[in-house]
Amino acid sequence: MQHRGEIVERAIRKSGYPISQIARKLGKSRRWMYLMFDNSQVDLESIILIGRIIHHDFSEQIKELNAINPESFSEPESKYTKQNKDYWKNKYLKLLESYNTLLKKTNPE
């Protein structure tokens, strides 16, 4: 019987992608990744998503993947867009500037 976790671990280490980066893209923790490596029956959806991240086709090593349509699994989307991050960063900076101005008015030195 194939140990899916070991197969995935070998592919990840061979790819050179940092485990923490893959975990982040999956929305999981590094701890989850290491527990997955120890699991002989990793779910196929996770394997497909990891394969997309590291650009690796696991269907040659894990025969069960041939019976599944990989297009049915989508990559996890980032919760925040670049535009959204910039909006909140700018809002924070404006608030910080207002706070500093208020401090100067109340505490002149």
N, C-alpha and C. Protein backbone atom coordinates (compact mmCIF):
# COMPACT_ATOMS: atom_id res chain seq x y z
N MET A 1 0.84 -1.18 0.00
CA MET A 1 0.00 0.00 0.00
C MET A 1 0.89 1.25 0.00
N GLN A 2 0.49 2.22 -0.77
CA GLN A 2 1.26 3.46 -0.89
C GLN A 2 1.08 4.33 0.36
N HIS A 3 2.15 4.94 0.79
CA HIS A 3 2.07 5.90 1.88
C HIS A 3 2.03 7.28 1.24
N ARG A 4 0.82 7.82 1.11
CA ARG A 4 0.63 9.08 0.39
C ARG A 4 1.40 10.24 1.02
N GLY A 5 1.44 10.26 2.35
CA GLY A 5 2.14 11.35 3.04
C GLY A 5 3.61 11.40 2.67
N GLU A 6 4.24 10.23 2.62
CA GLU A 6 5.67 10.17 2.26
C GLU A 6 5.89 10.59 0.81
N ILE A 7 4.98 10.20 -0.06
CA ILE A 7 5.09 10.58 -1.48
C ILE A 7 5.01 12.10 -1.61
N VAL A 8 4.05 12.70 -0.92
CA VAL A 8 3.88 14.15 -0.97
C VAL A 8 5.09 14.86 -0.36
N GLU A 9 5.58 14.35 0.76
CA GLU A 9 6.74 14.96 1.41
C GLU A 9 7.96 14.94 0.49
N ARG A 10 8.21 13.81 -0.15
CA ARG A 10 9.36 13.72 -1.07
C ARG A 10 9.24 14.74 -2.20
N ALA A 11 8.03 14.84 -2.76
CA ALA A 11 7.82 15.77 -3.87
C ALA A 11 8.01 17.22 -3.43
N ILE A 12 7.52 17.55 -2.24
CA ILE A 12 7.65 18.92 -1.74
C ILE A 12 9.12 19.25 -1.50
N ARG A 13 9.83 18.34 -0.85
CA ARG A 13 11.24 18.60 -0.55
C ARG A 13 12.06 18.70 -1.85
N LYS A 14 11.70 17.88 -2.83
CA LYS A 14 12.40 17.90 -4.12
C LYS A 14 12.12 19.20 -4.87
N SER A 15 10.92 19.74 -4.69
CA SER A 15 10.53 20.96 -5.41
C SER A 15 11.26 22.20 -4.91
N GLY A 16 11.65 22.19 -3.64
CA GLY A 16 12.34 23.34 -3.09
C GLY A 16 11.41 24.39 -2.50
N TYR A 17 10.10 24.19 -2.61
CA TYR A 17 9.16 25.14 -2.02
C TYR A 17 9.21 25.02 -0.50
N PRO A 18 9.21 26.15 0.21
CA PRO A 18 9.18 26.08 1.67
C PRO A 18 7.84 25.52 2.16
N ILE A 19 7.91 24.66 3.14
CA ILE A 19 6.71 24.04 3.68
C ILE A 19 5.76 25.09 4.24
N SER A 20 6.29 26.10 4.89
CA SER A 20 5.43 27.14 5.46
C SER A 20 4.68 27.91 4.37
N GLN A 21 5.31 28.10 3.22
CA GLN A 21 4.65 28.79 2.11
C GLN A 21 3.50 27.94 1.56
N ILE A 22 3.72 26.66 1.42
CA ILE A 22 2.67 25.77 0.94
C ILE A 22 1.52 25.74 1.93
N ALA A 23 1.85 25.64 3.22
CA ALA A 23 0.81 25.63 4.25
C ALA A 23 -0.03 26.90 4.19
N ARG A 24 0.64 28.04 4.02
CA ARG A 24 -0.07 29.32 3.94
C ARG A 24 -1.02 29.34 2.75
N LYS A 25 -0.56 28.85 1.61
CA LYS A 25 -1.42 28.85 0.42
C LYS A 25 -2.61 27.91 0.58
N LEU A 26 -2.44 26.87 1.38
CA LEU A 26 -3.54 25.94 1.64
C LEU A 26 -4.46 26.43 2.76
N GLY A 27 -4.01 27.44 3.49
CA GLY A 27 -4.78 27.92 4.63
C GLY A 27 -4.63 27.00 5.83
N LYS A 28 -3.50 26.32 5.91
CA LYS A 28 -3.22 25.37 6.99
C LYS A 28 -1.97 25.82 7.74
N SER A 29 -1.65 25.09 8.81
CA SER A 29 -0.44 25.39 9.58
C SER A 29 0.69 24.46 9.15
N ARG A 30 1.91 24.85 9.53
CA ARG A 30 3.06 23.97 9.26
C ARG A 30 2.88 22.65 10.00
N ARG A 31 2.33 22.73 11.19
CA ARG A 31 2.09 21.51 11.99
C ARG A 31 1.19 20.55 11.21
N TRP A 32 0.14 21.10 10.58
CA TRP A 32 -0.76 20.27 9.78
C TRP A 32 0.01 19.58 8.66
N MET A 33 0.95 20.31 8.05
CA MET A 33 1.74 19.73 6.96
C MET A 33 2.54 18.53 7.46
N TYR A 34 3.21 18.69 8.61
CA TYR A 34 4.03 17.60 9.13
C TYR A 34 3.17 16.41 9.56
N LEU A 35 1.99 16.67 10.10
CA LEU A 35 1.08 15.57 10.44
C LEU A 35 0.60 14.86 9.17
N MET A 36 0.41 15.63 8.10
CA MET A 36 0.00 15.03 6.84
C MET A 36 1.10 14.11 6.30
N PHE A 37 2.36 14.51 6.47
CA PHE A 37 3.46 13.67 5.99
C PHE A 37 3.44 12.30 6.68
N ASP A 38 2.99 12.26 7.93
CA ASP A 38 2.93 11.00 8.68
C ASP A 38 1.69 10.17 8.36
N ASN A 39 0.72 10.78 7.68
CA ASN A 39 -0.54 10.12 7.38
C ASN A 39 -0.42 9.32 6.08
N SER A 40 -0.70 8.04 6.15
CA SER A 40 -0.59 7.20 4.95
C SER A 40 -1.78 7.37 4.01
N GLN A 41 -2.88 7.93 4.52
CA GLN A 41 -4.10 8.08 3.71
C GLN A 41 -4.49 9.55 3.58
N VAL A 42 -3.59 10.37 3.08
CA VAL A 42 -3.88 11.79 2.86
C VAL A 42 -5.00 11.89 1.83
N ASP A 43 -5.95 12.82 2.08
CA ASP A 43 -7.07 12.92 1.14
C ASP A 43 -6.58 13.44 -0.21
N LEU A 44 -7.23 12.97 -1.24
CA LEU A 44 -6.80 13.26 -2.61
C LEU A 44 -6.92 14.73 -2.97
N GLU A 45 -7.91 15.41 -2.40
CA GLU A 45 -8.08 16.83 -2.68
C GLU A 45 -6.85 17.61 -2.24
N SER A 46 -6.34 17.32 -1.05
CA SER A 46 -5.14 18.01 -0.55
C SER A 46 -3.95 17.72 -1.45
N ILE A 47 -3.83 16.49 -1.90
CA ILE A 47 -2.71 16.12 -2.76
C ILE A 47 -2.77 16.89 -4.08
N ILE A 48 -3.96 17.00 -4.65
CA ILE A 48 -4.11 17.73 -5.91
C ILE A 48 -3.77 19.21 -5.72
N LEU A 49 -4.24 19.80 -4.62
CA LEU A 49 -3.96 21.22 -4.38
C LEU A 49 -2.47 21.46 -4.16
N ILE A 50 -1.81 20.57 -3.42
CA ILE A 50 -0.37 20.69 -3.22
C ILE A 50 0.36 20.54 -4.55
N GLY A 51 -0.09 19.59 -5.36
CA GLY A 51 0.50 19.40 -6.67
C GLY A 51 0.43 20.64 -7.53
N ARG A 52 -0.69 21.35 -7.46
CA ARG A 52 -0.82 22.60 -8.22
C ARG A 52 0.15 23.66 -7.71
N ILE A 53 0.31 23.72 -6.40
CA ILE A 53 1.19 24.74 -5.82
C ILE A 53 2.64 24.49 -6.22
N ILE A 54 3.09 23.22 -6.14
CA ILE A 54 4.50 22.93 -6.42
C ILE A 54 4.72 22.51 -7.88
N HIS A 55 3.65 22.55 -8.67
CA HIS A 55 3.72 22.20 -10.09
C HIS A 55 4.22 20.76 -10.27
N HIS A 56 3.52 19.84 -9.59
CA HIS A 56 3.90 18.43 -9.64
C HIS A 56 2.65 17.59 -9.90
N ASP A 57 2.76 16.63 -10.79
CA ASP A 57 1.66 15.72 -11.10
C ASP A 57 1.84 14.44 -10.29
N PHE A 58 0.98 14.25 -9.29
CA PHE A 58 1.07 13.08 -8.43
C PHE A 58 0.39 11.85 -9.03
N SER A 59 -0.26 11.99 -10.17
CA SER A 59 -1.03 10.87 -10.72
C SER A 59 -0.14 9.69 -11.12
N GLU A 60 1.14 9.94 -11.35
CA GLU A 60 2.04 8.83 -11.68
C GLU A 60 2.37 7.99 -10.46
N GLN A 61 2.47 8.64 -9.29
CA GLN A 61 2.81 7.91 -8.07
C GLN A 61 1.58 7.41 -7.33
N ILE A 62 0.47 8.14 -7.42
CA ILE A 62 -0.75 7.76 -6.70
C ILE A 62 -1.82 7.45 -7.74
N LYS A 63 -2.06 6.17 -7.94
CA LYS A 63 -2.94 5.72 -9.02
C LYS A 63 -4.39 6.15 -8.84
N GLU A 64 -4.83 6.35 -7.59
CA GLU A 64 -6.22 6.74 -7.35
C GLU A 64 -6.57 8.09 -7.97
N LEU A 65 -5.56 8.91 -8.21
CA LEU A 65 -5.80 10.23 -8.79
C LEU A 65 -6.26 10.15 -10.24
N ASN A 66 -5.96 9.06 -10.90
CA ASN A 66 -6.39 8.91 -12.30
C ASN A 66 -7.90 8.80 -12.43
N ALA A 67 -8.57 8.36 -11.37
CA ALA A 67 -10.02 8.20 -11.41
C ALA A 67 -10.76 9.49 -11.07
N ILE A 68 -10.02 10.52 -10.69
CA ILE A 68 -10.64 11.78 -10.26
C ILE A 68 -10.36 12.86 -11.28
N ASN A 69 -11.34 13.73 -11.46
CA ASN A 69 -11.16 14.90 -12.32
C ASN A 69 -10.51 16.00 -11.48
N PRO A 70 -9.24 16.31 -11.69
CA PRO A 70 -8.57 17.31 -10.86
C PRO A 70 -9.14 18.71 -11.01
N GLU A 71 -9.87 18.97 -12.08
CA GLU A 71 -10.45 20.29 -12.27
C GLU A 71 -11.58 20.56 -11.29
N SER A 72 -12.10 19.49 -10.65
CA SER A 72 -13.19 19.68 -9.70
C SER A 72 -12.73 20.31 -8.40
N PHE A 73 -11.42 20.33 -8.17
CA PHE A 73 -10.88 20.95 -6.96
C PHE A 73 -10.31 22.31 -7.33
N SER A 74 -10.68 23.30 -6.57
CA SER A 74 -10.16 24.64 -6.87
C SER A 74 -9.07 25.01 -5.87
N GLU A 75 -8.19 25.89 -6.31
CA GLU A 75 -7.14 26.37 -5.42
C GLU A 75 -7.75 27.31 -4.40
N PRO A 76 -7.24 27.29 -3.18
CA PRO A 76 -7.77 28.23 -2.20
C PRO A 76 -7.44 29.66 -2.61
N GLU A 77 -8.46 30.50 -2.55
CA GLU A 77 -8.25 31.89 -2.94
C GLU A 77 -7.79 32.69 -1.74
N SER A 78 -7.00 33.68 -2.01
CA SER A 78 -6.56 34.57 -0.95
C SER A 78 -7.76 35.37 -0.46
N LYS A 79 -7.87 35.53 0.84
CA LYS A 79 -8.99 36.27 1.40
C LYS A 79 -8.87 37.76 1.10
N TYR A 80 -7.65 38.21 0.91
CA TYR A 80 -7.42 39.64 0.76
C TYR A 80 -6.72 39.92 -0.56
N THR A 81 -7.26 40.87 -1.27
CA THR A 81 -6.61 41.28 -2.51
C THR A 81 -5.57 42.35 -2.19
N LYS A 82 -4.72 42.61 -3.13
CA LYS A 82 -3.69 43.65 -2.96
C LYS A 82 -4.35 44.99 -2.70
N GLN A 83 -5.43 45.25 -3.43
CA GLN A 83 -6.13 46.52 -3.29
C GLN A 83 -6.72 46.64 -1.88
N ASN A 84 -7.27 45.55 -1.36
CA ASN A 84 -7.85 45.54 -0.03
C ASN A 84 -6.77 45.78 1.03
N LYS A 85 -5.62 45.16 0.87
CA LYS A 85 -4.52 45.35 1.82
C LYS A 85 -4.04 46.80 1.80
N ASP A 86 -3.92 47.38 0.62
CA ASP A 86 -3.49 48.77 0.51
C ASP A 86 -4.50 49.71 1.16
N TYR A 87 -5.78 49.41 0.99
CA TYR A 87 -6.83 50.24 1.60
C TYR A 87 -6.65 50.28 3.12
N TRP A 88 -6.50 49.10 3.73
CA TRP A 88 -6.38 49.05 5.19
C TRP A 88 -5.06 49.63 5.67
N LYS A 89 -4.02 49.47 4.90
CA LYS A 89 -2.73 50.06 5.28
C LYS A 89 -2.84 51.58 5.28
N ASN A 90 -3.43 52.14 4.23
CA ASN A 90 -3.59 53.59 4.14
C ASN A 90 -4.51 54.12 5.24
N LYS A 91 -5.56 53.38 5.52
CA LYS A 91 -6.48 53.78 6.59
C LYS A 91 -5.75 53.81 7.93
N TYR A 92 -4.93 52.81 8.18
CA TYR A 92 -4.15 52.75 9.41
C TYR A 92 -3.18 53.92 9.51
N LEU A 93 -2.50 54.23 8.41
CA LEU A 93 -1.54 55.34 8.42
C LEU A 93 -2.23 56.68 8.69
N LYS A 94 -3.41 56.90 8.09
CA LYS A 94 -4.16 58.13 8.34
C LYS A 94 -4.58 58.23 9.80
N LEU A 95 -5.03 57.12 10.35
CA LEU A 95 -5.43 57.08 11.75
C LEU A 95 -4.24 57.36 12.66
N LEU A 96 -3.11 56.79 12.34
CA LEU A 96 -1.90 57.01 13.12
C LEU A 96 -1.45 58.47 13.06
N GLU A 97 -1.53 59.07 11.89
CA GLU A 97 -1.18 60.48 11.75
C GLU A 97 -2.14 61.36 12.55
N SER A 98 -3.42 61.05 12.51
CA SER A 98 -4.40 61.81 13.29
C SER A 98 -4.13 61.67 14.78
N TYR A 99 -3.81 60.49 15.20
CA TYR A 99 -3.50 60.24 16.61
C TYR A 99 -2.27 61.04 17.04
N ASN A 100 -1.23 61.04 16.23
CA ASN A 100 -0.02 61.81 16.55
C ASN A 100 -0.30 63.31 16.61
N THR A 101 -1.13 63.81 15.71
CA THR A 101 -1.51 65.22 15.71
C THR A 101 -2.26 65.55 16.99
N LEU A 102 -3.17 64.71 17.39
CA LEU A 102 -3.94 64.90 18.62
C LEU A 102 -3.02 64.89 19.84
N LEU A 103 -2.06 64.00 19.85
CA LEU A 103 -1.11 63.94 20.96
C LEU A 103 -0.30 65.24 21.07
N LYS A 104 0.11 65.77 19.93
CA LYS A 104 0.88 67.02 19.93
C LYS A 104 0.05 68.19 20.45
N LYS A 105 -1.25 68.19 20.12
CA LYS A 105 -2.13 69.27 20.57
C LYS A 105 -2.37 69.19 22.08
N THR A 106 -2.54 68.01 22.60
CA THR A 106 -2.86 67.84 24.02
C THR A 106 -1.63 67.85 24.91
N ASN A 107 -0.49 67.64 24.34
CA ASN A 107 0.75 67.53 25.11
C ASN A 107 1.86 68.35 24.46
N PRO A 108 1.70 69.67 24.34
CA PRO A 108 2.74 70.46 23.66
C PRO A 108 4.01 70.54 24.52
N GLU A 109 5.10 70.36 23.89
CA GLU A 109 6.39 70.41 24.60
C GLU A 109 7.38 71.22 23.84
